[in-house]
Amino acid sequence: MSVVRFMCRPLLPLLLLLIAFNHVCYALTIPKQFENTKIIRTFEVNSGIAREDTGIRAKNIGDGSASEYYFYLPNVLYKNVASVSAFLRKQKTELQVSLEGLDAEKEVYVYKIDLKEHSVQPNEDVLLGIKVAYTHVIKPMPAKLPQLARQHTMIAFNSYFLSPYFTKEIKTTLTTPTQNVVSHVGDLGKSSLNGNKVTYGPYENVEPLSFGVATCHFENLQPILTVPSLRRDIEVSHWGKNLAVEEHYSLRNDGASLETNFNRVQYQMTAHIHSQTNVLKELSFKLPPSAQDAYFRDEVGNVSTSHFRVENKNAVLELAPRYPIFGGWNYTWYHGYNADLGSFVRKSKTSGKYILNVKFVENVNDMAIDKAVVRVILPEGASNIKVHSPFSIDAQTIVPHFTYFDSTGRVMVVLEKDRVVREHEQFIQIEYDYSISELLRKPIVASTALLLLFVTSILFGKASFNIGKEQKVNEL
């Protein structure tokens, strides 16, 4: 018991904040049309991202049809929420989820699921699914390790589903990367281990807004990768029929750091067991099948320890940093490639607009991107720009961007979003008008510039730059 207390000390501030939910006021303004008949939650914690998948069977206990279902997320965890989605469990139909705001009295954020097209009649059930992805909730425990030690991490969460409705039964299952689970604690002492699955509950007759701390301390051999900033530049060239992509990464390993100085000799002699530690040695990026001219550079310059190959369905760029990235270490670099524009841009037959279809981010895998900035540089003269995204964008601006032989500057669409995870690796569409006359602008500007250069050089050649009047020399 003393060992568990020692390991939980770094999480005490978070746990105290979570326990505070047991002392808040339960007054709600949400209509009590639903009762949760059964809730089954699953947590996946294979890396530094925790993903919660909740299945809900809810019954309409009201007198009229119900078209809105509400649920909560704790205020203390809101800054860690990267993605929230909902769907009909049986039909797999996506549902619209909206953030209604903060309930300051209860210290929770209120979310609403729109059921207007699937209204639930009185005494009828609805099967809902809610998925939430959390970043920075999995912490290394202990925070420092020897160079060859196995990493363990801990996660703390609510034993119950934070709901404004009464729940008859709820059970939670957490799946760990390995079967090495150091400890697990659930509310009321209800937690059990079977292989790499920890079950919390079942709990019956759960009151609304119930909260009870649950923890799990488990082995996690993967590096916990965080990207504090990612800048993704996408440049469209109709003249060259080319799409140029360049990504600037700032990467950090948030896993357990080294308790002593790095030992290069030990590292070289123990390559066969590096997979059992949290060290990051290489990265792999899947690129479009038409990708070519791939490059990889960091602050020092070109990095030769990379490999680019083209496979059947995509191209692969494998990168090896200049040094191994242990817990607490950072690495910055940028890589890029060119691709065939025809695979990403098409012209609408109905509207005549060009439609660019690209992914907001790529190759996220299990990284947590704190801030992503996507800059889409459209051709000079593009107009009537519209951006369509399957998820909300935090900021969107359109600014001019100047490159070689530009007269008025290209149009650059800047999209910004915080807390980006694998769920945001989706396609966005950018519509724009671009006429043939605008396509000819660059060669006309380039030709005019060269003509002016030649004319200027001729005029300078004919001009005289002597000081004073020219004196004739008498011939002898």
Protein backbone atom coordinates (compact mmCIF):
# COMPACT_ATOMS: atom_id res chain seq x y z
CA MET A 1 0.00 0.00 0.00
CA SER A 2 2.85 2.43 0.77
CA VAL A 3 4.31 1.83 -2.69
CA VAL A 4 1.04 2.79 -4.35
CA ARG A 5 0.83 5.97 -2.25
CA PHE A 6 4.35 6.96 -3.24
CA MET A 7 3.64 6.42 -6.94
CA CYS A 8 0.43 8.49 -6.80
CA ARG A 9 2.04 11.59 -5.23
CA PRO A 10 2.74 13.36 -8.56
CA LEU A 11 -0.95 12.91 -9.47
CA LEU A 12 -2.34 14.21 -6.16
CA PRO A 13 -3.11 17.74 -7.45
CA LEU A 14 -5.09 16.31 -10.37
CA LEU A 15 -6.84 13.76 -8.16
CA LEU A 16 -7.84 16.44 -5.63
CA LEU A 17 -9.37 18.51 -8.41
CA LEU A 18 -11.23 15.46 -9.68
CA ILE A 19 -12.51 14.54 -6.20
CA ALA A 20 -13.87 18.08 -5.84
CA PHE A 21 -16.70 17.09 -8.20
CA ASN A 22 -18.33 15.18 -5.34
CA HIS A 23 -19.02 18.51 -3.57
CA VAL A 24 -20.57 20.58 -6.36
CA CYS A 25 -24.21 21.56 -6.67
CA TYR A 26 -26.33 19.21 -8.78
CA ALA A 27 -28.84 21.85 -9.96
CA LEU A 28 -29.27 21.41 -13.71
CA THR A 29 -31.23 23.29 -16.35
CA ILE A 30 -31.15 20.37 -18.79
CA PRO A 31 -34.52 18.65 -19.42
CA LYS A 32 -34.61 15.18 -17.84
CA GLN A 33 -36.10 13.39 -20.84
CA PHE A 34 -33.62 10.52 -20.82
CA GLU A 35 -32.56 7.74 -18.50
CA ASN A 36 -29.38 5.78 -19.24
CA THR A 37 -30.39 2.13 -19.21
CA LYS A 38 -26.86 0.83 -19.74
CA ILE A 39 -23.46 2.40 -20.44
CA ILE A 40 -20.35 0.52 -21.55
CA ARG A 41 -17.09 2.48 -21.77
CA THR A 42 -13.74 1.39 -23.15
CA PHE A 43 -10.40 3.19 -22.83
CA GLU A 44 -7.48 2.62 -25.19
CA VAL A 45 -4.10 3.78 -23.87
CA ASN A 46 -1.60 2.33 -26.33
CA SER A 47 0.56 5.46 -26.39
CA GLY A 48 0.39 9.01 -25.11
CA ILE A 49 -3.18 9.44 -26.38
CA ALA A 50 -6.13 8.13 -24.36
CA ARG A 51 -9.23 7.32 -26.39
CA GLU A 52 -12.60 6.80 -24.73
CA ASP A 53 -15.38 4.99 -26.59
CA THR A 54 -18.74 5.05 -24.80
CA GLY A 55 -21.78 3.04 -25.82
CA ILE A 56 -25.07 4.30 -24.36
CA ARG A 57 -28.54 2.80 -24.34
CA ALA A 58 -30.84 5.67 -23.33
CA LYS A 59 -34.61 5.59 -22.85
CA ASN A 60 -36.96 8.52 -23.35
CA ILE A 61 -38.87 8.78 -20.08
CA GLY A 62 -40.58 12.05 -21.00
CA ASP A 63 -44.03 12.74 -22.41
CA GLY A 64 -42.89 14.08 -25.77
CA SER A 65 -40.30 13.24 -28.41
CA ALA A 66 -36.66 13.92 -27.50
CA SER A 67 -34.28 15.42 -30.07
CA GLU A 68 -31.34 16.42 -27.83
CA TYR A 69 -29.05 14.35 -25.65
CA TYR A 70 -26.58 16.03 -23.26
CA PHE A 71 -23.37 14.88 -21.60
CA TYR A 72 -20.56 16.51 -19.61
CA LEU A 73 -16.79 16.75 -19.64
CA PRO A 74 -14.93 17.95 -16.51
CA ASN A 75 -13.53 21.46 -16.56
CA VAL A 76 -10.13 20.22 -15.32
CA LEU A 77 -9.83 17.91 -18.33
CA TYR A 78 -11.28 20.18 -21.00
CA LYS A 79 -7.86 21.51 -22.04
CA ASN A 80 -6.86 17.90 -22.76
CA VAL A 81 -9.85 17.14 -25.00
CA ALA A 82 -8.70 16.95 -28.62
CA SER A 83 -11.65 15.34 -30.38
CA VAL A 84 -15.33 14.68 -29.59
CA SER A 85 -17.68 12.82 -31.90
CA ALA A 86 -21.02 11.02 -31.65
CA PHE A 87 -22.97 8.57 -33.77
CA LEU A 88 -25.89 6.18 -33.75
CA ARG A 89 -24.39 2.93 -32.52
CA LYS A 90 -26.48 0.58 -34.64
CA GLN A 91 -26.77 2.55 -37.88
CA LYS A 92 -23.22 4.00 -37.66
CA THR A 93 -24.71 7.39 -38.57
CA GLU A 94 -22.67 10.43 -37.58
CA LEU A 95 -24.42 12.91 -35.31
CA GLN A 96 -23.70 16.59 -34.79
CA VAL A 97 -22.05 17.42 -31.46
CA SER A 98 -21.94 21.01 -30.24
CA LEU A 99 -20.28 22.57 -27.21
CA GLU A 100 -22.93 24.49 -25.31
CA GLY A 101 -20.47 26.14 -22.94
CA LEU A 102 -19.18 26.01 -19.38
CA ASP A 103 -21.47 25.40 -16.43
CA ALA A 104 -19.47 27.37 -13.86
CA GLU A 105 -21.58 26.14 -10.96
CA LYS A 106 -20.89 22.48 -11.69
CA GLU A 107 -17.44 23.09 -13.23
CA VAL A 108 -18.28 21.05 -16.30
CA TYR A 109 -18.48 21.71 -20.03
CA VAL A 110 -21.87 20.85 -21.52
CA TYR A 111 -22.10 19.04 -24.87
CA LYS A 112 -25.25 18.47 -26.89
CA ILE A 113 -25.94 15.72 -29.44
CA ASP A 114 -28.46 16.68 -32.12
CA LEU A 115 -31.09 13.97 -32.67
CA LYS A 116 -33.58 16.02 -34.71
CA GLU A 117 -33.52 13.66 -37.67
CA HIS A 118 -33.65 10.66 -35.32
CA SER A 119 -36.02 11.88 -32.61
CA VAL A 120 -36.74 9.39 -29.84
CA GLN A 121 -40.40 8.86 -28.99
CA PRO A 122 -41.64 8.31 -25.41
CA ASN A 123 -40.69 4.92 -23.92
CA GLU A 124 -38.36 4.22 -26.85
CA ASP A 125 -34.62 3.51 -26.65
CA VAL A 126 -31.73 4.96 -28.63
CA LEU A 127 -28.25 3.50 -28.97
CA LEU A 128 -25.60 6.23 -28.98
CA GLY A 129 -21.85 6.17 -29.33
CA ILE A 130 -19.53 8.91 -28.06
CA LYS A 131 -15.79 9.02 -28.78
CA VAL A 132 -13.38 11.36 -27.00
CA ALA A 133 -9.62 11.62 -27.51
CA TYR A 134 -7.49 13.08 -24.68
CA THR A 135 -3.93 14.40 -24.83
CA HIS A 136 -1.42 14.78 -21.99
CA VAL A 137 -3.41 12.66 -19.52
CA ILE A 138 -0.98 9.72 -19.54
CA LYS A 139 2.00 10.54 -17.31
CA PRO A 140 5.26 8.60 -16.85
CA MET A 141 5.53 7.03 -13.41
CA PRO A 142 8.26 7.33 -12.25
CA ALA A 143 9.27 10.46 -14.14
CA LYS A 144 12.96 9.44 -14.43
CA LEU A 145 14.50 6.10 -15.36
CA PRO A 146 17.87 4.48 -16.08
CA GLN A 147 18.81 4.41 -19.74
CA LEU A 148 17.79 0.76 -20.22
CA ALA A 149 14.75 0.63 -17.91
CA ARG A 150 11.20 -0.16 -18.95
CA GLN A 151 8.79 2.77 -18.83
CA HIS A 152 5.57 2.76 -16.80
CA THR A 153 2.78 5.31 -17.04
CA MET A 154 -0.36 6.20 -15.10
CA ILE A 155 -3.77 7.52 -16.04
CA ALA A 156 -6.56 8.88 -13.81
CA PHE A 157 -10.20 9.21 -14.93
CA ASN A 158 -13.79 9.05 -13.73
CA SER A 159 -15.11 5.64 -12.75
CA TYR A 160 -18.51 6.77 -14.06
CA PHE A 161 -19.76 8.48 -17.19
CA LEU A 162 -20.32 12.14 -16.30
CA SER A 163 -23.98 12.51 -17.21
CA PRO A 164 -26.94 14.72 -16.27
CA TYR A 165 -29.18 11.64 -16.36
CA PHE A 166 -29.77 8.78 -13.96
CA THR A 167 -27.90 5.62 -15.03
CA LYS A 168 -29.05 2.11 -14.17
CA GLU A 169 -25.81 0.30 -14.99
CA ILE A 170 -22.31 1.28 -16.10
CA LYS A 171 -19.08 -0.63 -16.68
CA THR A 172 -15.68 0.56 -17.90
CA THR A 173 -12.88 -1.48 -19.49
CA LEU A 174 -9.36 -0.13 -19.92
CA THR A 175 -6.97 -1.91 -22.31
CA THR A 176 -3.24 -1.54 -21.60
CA PRO A 177 -0.38 -2.11 -24.10
CA THR A 178 0.99 -5.09 -22.13
CA GLN A 179 -0.16 -7.41 -19.36
CA ASN A 180 2.23 -5.79 -16.91
CA VAL A 181 -0.19 -3.76 -14.78
CA VAL A 182 1.34 -2.48 -11.55
CA SER A 183 -1.88 -1.31 -9.88
CA HIS A 184 -5.50 -0.43 -10.61
CA VAL A 185 -8.01 1.35 -8.39
CA GLY A 186 -11.72 1.97 -9.02
CA ASP A 187 -14.38 3.73 -7.02
CA LEU A 188 -15.84 1.57 -4.22
CA GLY A 189 -12.92 -0.82 -4.77
CA LYS A 190 -14.54 -2.24 -7.90
CA SER A 191 -11.71 -3.04 -10.30
CA SER A 192 -10.40 -6.34 -11.66
CA LEU A 193 -7.61 -7.42 -14.01
CA ASN A 194 -7.77 -10.03 -16.77
CA GLY A 195 -4.66 -10.12 -18.95
CA ASN A 196 -4.21 -6.58 -20.25
CA LYS A 197 -7.82 -5.53 -19.56
CA VAL A 198 -8.84 -3.73 -16.38
CA THR A 199 -12.56 -3.66 -15.61
CA TYR A 200 -14.10 -1.00 -13.37
CA GLY A 201 -17.56 -1.75 -12.01
CA PRO A 202 -20.21 -2.65 -12.82
CA TYR A 203 -21.95 0.17 -10.95
CA GLU A 204 -25.72 0.25 -10.59
CA ASN A 205 -28.24 3.02 -9.96
CA VAL A 206 -25.75 5.84 -10.52
CA GLU A 207 -27.00 9.33 -9.75
CA PRO A 208 -26.48 12.22 -12.22
CA LEU A 209 -23.09 13.97 -12.10
CA SER A 210 -21.52 11.14 -10.09
CA PHE A 211 -17.75 11.08 -9.87
CA GLY A 212 -15.26 8.63 -8.43
CA VAL A 213 -11.54 8.49 -9.08
CA ALA A 214 -10.15 5.54 -11.04
CA THR A 215 -6.46 4.99 -11.74
CA CYS A 216 -4.29 2.52 -13.61
CA HIS A 217 -0.50 2.17 -13.43
CA PHE A 218 0.81 0.09 -16.33
CA GLU A 219 3.84 -0.68 -18.48
CA ASN A 220 4.09 1.50 -21.58
CA LEU A 221 7.17 0.95 -23.73
CA GLN A 222 6.26 3.44 -26.45
CA PRO A 223 7.66 6.98 -26.55
CA ILE A 224 5.08 9.61 -25.64
CA LEU A 225 5.41 11.93 -28.61
CA THR A 226 4.28 15.55 -28.53
CA VAL A 227 4.55 18.05 -31.38
CA PRO A 228 4.43 21.52 -29.78
CA SER A 229 4.15 23.10 -33.23
CA LEU A 230 3.60 21.83 -36.76
CA ARG A 231 3.59 24.05 -39.84
CA ARG A 232 2.35 22.43 -43.01
CA ASP A 233 2.82 24.37 -46.27
CA ILE A 234 0.87 23.26 -49.36
CA GLU A 235 1.64 25.17 -52.55
CA VAL A 236 -0.54 24.79 -55.64
CA SER A 237 0.95 25.46 -59.07
CA HIS A 238 -1.37 25.18 -62.07
CA TRP A 239 1.40 26.28 -64.44
CA GLY A 240 3.72 23.46 -63.36
CA LYS A 241 0.85 21.05 -62.52
CA ASN A 242 2.58 20.44 -59.21
CA LEU A 243 1.63 20.25 -55.55
CA ALA A 244 4.56 21.05 -53.24
CA VAL A 245 4.22 20.00 -49.59
CA GLU A 246 6.63 20.94 -46.80
CA GLU A 247 6.16 20.16 -43.10
CA HIS A 248 8.09 21.81 -40.26
CA TYR A 249 8.13 19.71 -37.09
CA SER A 250 9.09 20.46 -33.52
CA LEU A 251 9.02 17.11 -31.71
CA ARG A 252 9.38 16.24 -28.02
CA ASN A 253 9.42 12.92 -26.20
CA ASP A 254 7.28 13.37 -23.06
CA GLY A 255 8.18 9.94 -21.72
CA ALA A 256 10.27 9.25 -18.63
CA SER A 257 13.57 11.15 -18.82
CA LEU A 258 17.05 9.80 -18.07
CA GLU A 259 18.04 9.92 -14.41
CA THR A 260 21.74 10.12 -15.38
CA ASN A 261 23.73 11.47 -18.33
CA PHE A 262 23.38 9.72 -21.66
CA ASN A 263 25.92 6.91 -22.15
CA ARG A 264 26.82 6.56 -25.84
CA VAL A 265 28.88 3.37 -25.34
CA GLN A 266 26.04 1.66 -23.49
CA TYR A 267 23.60 2.78 -26.17
CA GLN A 268 25.72 1.28 -28.96
CA MET A 269 26.17 -2.03 -27.15
CA THR A 270 22.49 -2.52 -26.28
CA ALA A 271 20.80 -1.94 -29.66
CA HIS A 272 18.98 -5.27 -29.38
CA ILE A 273 16.86 -4.10 -26.42
CA HIS A 274 16.10 -0.51 -27.49
CA SER A 275 12.57 -1.60 -28.40
CA GLN A 276 11.94 -2.26 -24.69
CA THR A 277 12.66 1.37 -23.78
CA ASN A 278 10.92 4.63 -24.68
CA VAL A 279 13.69 5.88 -26.99
CA LEU A 280 12.69 7.11 -30.46
CA LYS A 281 15.14 6.11 -33.18
CA GLU A 282 13.24 6.61 -36.44
CA LEU A 283 10.03 7.88 -37.99
CA SER A 284 8.06 6.69 -41.00
CA PHE A 285 5.77 8.86 -43.13
CA LYS A 286 3.34 7.62 -45.77
CA LEU A 287 3.20 9.99 -48.74
CA PRO A 288 0.93 10.08 -51.82
CA PRO A 289 1.79 7.51 -54.53
CA SER A 290 2.79 10.33 -56.93
CA ALA A 291 5.25 11.84 -54.42
CA GLN A 292 8.77 12.52 -55.68
CA ASP A 293 11.85 14.61 -54.91
CA ALA A 294 11.53 13.96 -51.17
CA TYR A 295 14.01 15.72 -48.84
CA PHE A 296 14.77 15.85 -45.10
CA ARG A 297 16.68 18.66 -43.36
CA ASP A 298 17.17 19.93 -39.84
CA GLU A 299 18.87 22.97 -38.32
CA VAL A 300 22.33 21.67 -39.23
CA GLY A 301 21.44 20.95 -42.86
CA ASN A 302 20.66 17.98 -45.06
CA VAL A 303 20.23 14.68 -43.21
CA SER A 304 21.42 11.68 -45.20
CA THR A 305 20.01 9.04 -42.82
CA SER A 306 16.70 8.73 -44.63
CA HIS A 307 15.16 6.39 -47.16
CA PHE A 308 12.48 7.11 -49.76
CA ARG A 309 10.68 4.41 -51.73
CA VAL A 310 7.51 4.09 -53.79
CA GLU A 311 5.15 1.21 -53.05
CA ASN A 312 1.90 0.08 -54.68
CA LYS A 313 -0.52 2.32 -52.81
CA ASN A 314 1.74 5.06 -51.48
CA ALA A 315 5.30 6.30 -51.14
CA VAL A 316 7.20 5.95 -47.87
CA LEU A 317 9.72 8.35 -46.36
CA GLU A 318 11.71 6.88 -43.45
CA LEU A 319 13.61 9.35 -41.30
CA ALA A 320 16.31 8.78 -38.69
CA PRO A 321 17.13 11.79 -36.49
CA ARG A 322 20.78 12.71 -35.93
CA TYR A 323 20.55 11.37 -32.36
CA PRO A 324 18.19 9.08 -30.40
CA ILE A 325 15.33 10.97 -28.74
CA PHE A 326 14.95 9.93 -25.10
CA GLY A 327 12.33 11.21 -22.68
CA GLY A 328 12.49 14.99 -22.34
CA TRP A 329 14.59 15.37 -25.51
CA ASN A 330 13.60 17.54 -28.50
CA TYR A 331 14.24 17.45 -32.23
CA THR A 332 13.27 19.91 -34.98
CA TRP A 333 13.36 19.29 -38.73
CA TYR A 334 11.43 19.79 -41.94
CA HIS A 335 10.76 17.51 -44.87
CA GLY A 336 8.91 17.89 -48.12
CA TYR A 337 8.03 16.44 -51.48
CA ASN A 338 6.38 17.21 -54.82
CA ALA A 339 3.29 15.46 -56.17
CA ASP A 340 1.10 15.45 -59.26
CA LEU A 341 -1.51 18.21 -58.95
CA GLY A 342 -4.10 16.17 -60.86
CA SER A 343 -4.47 13.83 -57.88
CA PHE A 344 -5.59 16.68 -55.61
CA VAL A 345 -7.31 19.34 -57.75
CA ARG A 346 -10.36 18.95 -59.96
CA LYS A 347 -12.65 21.39 -61.71
CA SER A 348 -16.36 21.27 -60.92
CA LYS A 349 -18.50 20.85 -64.02
CA THR A 350 -21.45 22.61 -62.42
CA SER A 351 -19.87 25.66 -60.79
CA GLY A 352 -16.65 25.87 -62.81
CA LYS A 353 -14.66 26.24 -59.59
CA TYR A 354 -11.45 24.44 -58.82
CA ILE A 355 -11.63 22.17 -55.74
CA LEU A 356 -8.47 21.31 -53.82
CA ASN A 357 -8.87 18.12 -51.77
CA VAL A 358 -6.02 17.55 -49.29
CA LYS A 359 -5.67 16.22 -45.76
CA PHE A 360 -5.48 18.73 -42.95
CA VAL A 361 -2.58 16.78 -41.42
CA GLU A 362 -0.87 13.53 -42.33
CA ASN A 363 0.96 10.73 -40.50
CA VAL A 364 -0.20 11.82 -37.06
CA ASN A 365 -0.32 8.22 -35.80
CA ASP A 366 -0.10 8.49 -32.00
CA MET A 367 1.42 11.98 -31.79
CA ALA A 368 -0.26 14.78 -29.88
CA ILE A 369 0.05 18.02 -31.87
CA ASP A 370 -0.41 21.00 -29.57
CA LYS A 371 -0.75 23.50 -32.43
CA ALA A 372 -1.02 22.89 -36.17
CA VAL A 373 -0.81 25.66 -38.76
CA VAL A 374 -1.72 24.66 -42.32
CA ARG A 375 -0.84 27.22 -45.00
CA VAL A 376 -2.38 26.58 -48.42
CA ILE A 377 -0.77 28.80 -51.06
CA LEU A 378 -3.08 29.14 -54.06
CA PRO A 379 -2.05 30.50 -57.48
CA GLU A 380 -1.87 34.26 -58.03
CA GLY A 381 -5.28 35.54 -59.06
CA ALA A 382 -7.37 32.92 -57.24
CA SER A 383 -10.60 34.38 -55.88
CA ASN A 384 -13.93 33.51 -54.21
CA ILE A 385 -12.24 31.13 -51.79
CA LYS A 386 -14.29 28.83 -49.57
CA VAL A 387 -12.97 26.30 -47.05
CA HIS A 388 -14.91 23.16 -46.11
CA SER A 389 -13.75 21.11 -43.13
CA PRO A 390 -15.34 18.08 -41.42
CA PHE A 391 -14.31 19.53 -38.03
CA SER A 392 -14.07 22.98 -36.50
CA ILE A 393 -11.07 25.20 -37.25
CA ASP A 394 -9.87 27.52 -34.49
CA ALA A 395 -8.71 30.32 -36.82
CA GLN A 396 -8.90 30.99 -40.56
CA THR A 397 -7.30 33.91 -42.39
CA ILE A 398 -6.53 34.80 -46.01
CA VAL A 399 -3.36 36.82 -46.61
CA PRO A 400 -1.14 37.64 -49.62
CA HIS A 401 2.02 35.65 -50.15
CA PHE A 402 4.79 36.76 -52.52
CA THR A 403 7.14 34.47 -54.44
CA TYR A 404 9.21 34.82 -57.61
CA PHE A 405 7.71 36.88 -60.47
CA ASP A 406 4.53 37.65 -58.53
CA SER A 407 2.86 40.98 -59.29
CA THR A 408 0.00 41.25 -56.78
CA GLY A 409 0.98 38.22 -54.67
CA ARG A 410 -0.52 34.79 -54.28
CA VAL A 411 -3.46 33.99 -52.06
CA MET A 412 -2.54 32.09 -48.88
CA VAL A 413 -5.20 30.42 -46.73
CA VAL A 414 -3.97 29.97 -43.15
CA LEU A 415 -5.78 27.41 -40.99
CA GLU A 416 -4.92 27.03 -37.29
CA LYS A 417 -6.06 24.41 -34.80
CA ASP A 418 -4.95 23.41 -31.31
CA ARG A 419 -4.89 19.86 -29.94
CA VAL A 420 -4.69 17.88 -33.16
CA VAL A 421 -4.74 14.06 -33.08
CA ARG A 422 -5.27 11.17 -35.48
CA GLU A 423 -9.00 11.89 -35.69
CA HIS A 424 -8.20 15.15 -37.52
CA GLU A 425 -6.33 13.37 -40.31
CA GLN A 426 -9.23 14.04 -42.66
CA PHE A 427 -9.67 15.72 -46.02
CA ILE A 428 -10.51 19.40 -46.30
CA GLN A 429 -11.76 21.05 -49.48
CA ILE A 430 -10.85 24.54 -50.70
CA GLU A 431 -12.90 25.98 -53.56
CA TYR A 432 -11.60 28.87 -55.67
CA ASP A 433 -12.05 30.57 -59.04
CA TYR A 434 -9.09 30.66 -61.40
CA SER A 435 -9.41 31.81 -65.02
CA ILE A 436 -7.18 31.11 -68.01
CA SER A 437 -6.13 34.76 -68.10
CA GLU A 438 -4.80 34.40 -64.55
CA LEU A 439 -2.93 31.29 -65.63
CA LEU A 440 -1.10 33.36 -68.26
CA ARG A 441 -0.28 36.14 -65.81
CA LYS A 442 3.02 34.69 -64.61
CA PRO A 443 4.59 34.07 -68.06
CA ILE A 444 3.42 37.52 -69.16
CA VAL A 445 4.92 39.12 -66.05
CA ALA A 446 8.14 37.13 -66.50
CA SER A 447 8.40 38.07 -70.19
CA THR A 448 7.69 41.71 -69.44
CA ALA A 449 10.32 41.73 -66.70
CA LEU A 450 12.95 40.22 -69.04
CA LEU A 451 12.02 42.69 -71.81
CA LEU A 452 12.39 45.61 -69.44
CA LEU A 453 15.73 44.21 -68.30
CA PHE A 454 17.02 44.03 -71.88
CA VAL A 455 15.70 47.52 -72.75
CA THR A 456 17.26 48.93 -69.60
CA SER A 457 20.61 47.29 -70.39
CA ILE A 458 20.52 48.74 -73.94
CA LEU A 459 19.73 52.22 -72.67
CA PHE A 460 22.53 52.01 -70.13
CA GLY A 461 24.89 50.88 -72.87
CA LYS A 462 24.07 53.88 -75.07
CA ALA A 463 24.23 56.42 -72.25
CA SER A 464 27.37 58.43 -71.50
CA PHE A 465 28.54 58.86 -67.95
CA ASN A 466 31.56 61.21 -68.52
CA ILE A 467 31.96 64.20 -66.19
CA GLY A 468 32.18 67.56 -68.05
CA LYS A 469 32.24 68.26 -71.78
CA GLU A 470 33.94 65.87 -74.15
CA GLN A 471 37.14 67.38 -75.63
CA LYS A 472 38.30 66.54 -79.14
CA VAL A 473 41.90 65.44 -79.49
CA ASN A 474 43.78 67.10 -82.41
CA GLU A 475 45.23 64.61 -84.76
CA LEU A 476 48.99 65.02 -85.33
